[in-house]
Amino acid sequence: MLAESINEQFDENGNATYTVTKENETKTISEEEYYDIFEKYNNATVVSFAYGASDAAR
């Protein structure tokens, strides 16, 4: 289950709309806010707890 998700959607004219969903609540955010959140995701490390904590990036 994701704690937070971000979305970039385009209308028929190619204009982007950015949204963030957190705790089952979706709100529209600015392009700058979208890229700030995206950058945090990009720098995140995936951790697997299948057989104890391990760093998947190794």
C-alpha atoms as a PDB file:
ATOM      1  CA  MET A   1       0.000   0.000   0.000  1.00  0.00           C
ATOM      2  CA  LEU A   2       1.328   3.408  -0.942  1.00  0.00           C
ATOM      3  CA  ALA A   3       1.368   6.105   1.708  1.00  0.00           C
ATOM      4  CA  GLU A   4       1.362   8.783  -0.991  1.00  0.00           C
ATOM      5  CA  SER A   5       1.070   8.934  -4.773  1.00  0.00           C
ATOM      6  CA  ILE A   6       1.552  11.710  -7.302  1.00  0.00           C
ATOM      7  CA  ASN A   7      -0.041  11.935 -10.734  1.00  0.00           C
ATOM      8  CA  GLU A   8       0.485  13.985 -13.864  1.00  0.00           C
ATOM      9  CA  GLN A   9      -2.519  14.028 -16.204  1.00  0.00           C
ATOM     10  CA  PHE A  10      -2.946  15.760 -19.553  1.00  0.00           C
ATOM     11  CA  ASP A  11      -6.094  17.134 -21.135  1.00  0.00           C
ATOM     12  CA  GLU A  12      -6.902  17.007 -24.875  1.00  0.00           C
ATOM     13  CA  ASN A  13      -4.816  20.173 -25.432  1.00  0.00           C
ATOM     14  CA  GLY A  14      -1.737  18.764 -23.698  1.00  0.00           C
ATOM     15  CA  ASN A  15      -2.107  20.875 -20.552  1.00  0.00           C
ATOM     16  CA  ALA A  16      -0.874  19.108 -17.421  1.00  0.00           C
ATOM     17  CA  THR A  17      -2.703  18.805 -14.102  1.00  0.00           C
ATOM     18  CA  TYR A  18      -0.831  17.551 -11.050  1.00  0.00           C
ATOM     19  CA  THR A  19      -2.406  15.790  -8.073  1.00  0.00           C
ATOM     20  CA  VAL A  20      -1.194  14.152  -4.882  1.00  0.00           C
ATOM     21  CA  THR A  21      -3.142  11.460  -3.017  1.00  0.00           C
ATOM     22  CA  LYS A  22      -2.336  10.952   0.642  1.00  0.00           C
ATOM     23  CA  GLU A  23      -4.449   9.169   3.265  1.00  0.00           C
ATOM     24  CA  ASN A  24      -7.283   8.673   0.701  1.00  0.00           C
ATOM     25  CA  GLU A  25      -7.470  12.420   0.019  1.00  0.00           C
ATOM     26  CA  THR A  26      -6.570  13.838  -3.400  1.00  0.00           C
ATOM     27  CA  LYS A  27      -5.650  17.469  -3.963  1.00  0.00           C
ATOM     28  CA  THR A  28      -4.417  19.479  -6.923  1.00  0.00           C
ATOM     29  CA  ILE A  29      -0.859  20.757  -6.606  1.00  0.00           C
ATOM     30  CA  SER A  30       1.364  23.049  -8.653  1.00  0.00           C
ATOM     31  CA  GLU A  31       3.931  21.809 -11.153  1.00  0.00           C
ATOM     32  CA  GLU A  32       6.682  22.946  -8.771  1.00  0.00           C
ATOM     33  CA  GLU A  33       5.159  20.962  -5.883  1.00  0.00           C
ATOM     34  CA  TYR A  34       4.861  17.916  -8.177  1.00  0.00           C
ATOM     35  CA  TYR A  35       8.544  18.027  -9.097  1.00  0.00           C
ATOM     36  CA  ASP A  36       9.570  18.593  -5.457  1.00  0.00           C
ATOM     37  CA  ILE A  37       7.696  15.421  -4.436  1.00  0.00           C
ATOM     38  CA  PHE A  38       8.998  13.557  -7.508  1.00  0.00           C
ATOM     39  CA  GLU A  39      12.568  14.448  -6.523  1.00  0.00           C
ATOM     40  CA  LYS A  40      11.996  12.988  -3.035  1.00  0.00           C
ATOM     41  CA  TYR A  41      10.703   9.746  -4.606  1.00  0.00           C
ATOM     42  CA  ASN A  42      13.653   9.694  -6.973  1.00  0.00           C
ATOM     43  CA  ASN A  43      16.072   9.853  -4.027  1.00  0.00           C
ATOM     44  CA  ALA A  44      14.227   7.222  -1.950  1.00  0.00           C
ATOM     45  CA  THR A  45      15.617   3.762  -1.244  1.00  0.00           C
ATOM     46  CA  VAL A  46      13.414   0.702  -1.628  1.00  0.00           C
ATOM     47  CA  VAL A  47      13.495  -1.533   1.446  1.00  0.00           C
ATOM     48  CA  SER A  48      12.225  -5.118   1.493  1.00  0.00           C
ATOM     49  CA  PHE A  49      10.959  -6.674   4.724  1.00  0.00           C
ATOM     50  CA  ALA A  50      10.311 -10.183   3.355  1.00  0.00           C
ATOM     51  CA  TYR A  51      12.963 -11.831   5.571  1.00  0.00           C
ATOM     52  CA  GLY A  52      14.014  -8.880   7.673  1.00  0.00           C
ATOM     53  CA  ALA A  53      15.084  -5.451   6.546  1.00  0.00           C
ATOM     54  CA  SER A  54      17.426  -5.272   3.588  1.00  0.00           C
ATOM     55  CA  ASP A  55      18.526  -2.518   1.290  1.00  0.00           C
ATOM     56  CA  ALA A  56      17.300  -3.375  -2.250  1.00  0.00           C
ATOM     57  CA  ALA A  57      19.743  -0.906  -3.802  1.00  0.00           C
ATOM     58  CA  ARG A  58      22.794  -3.057  -2.961  1.00  0.00           C
END
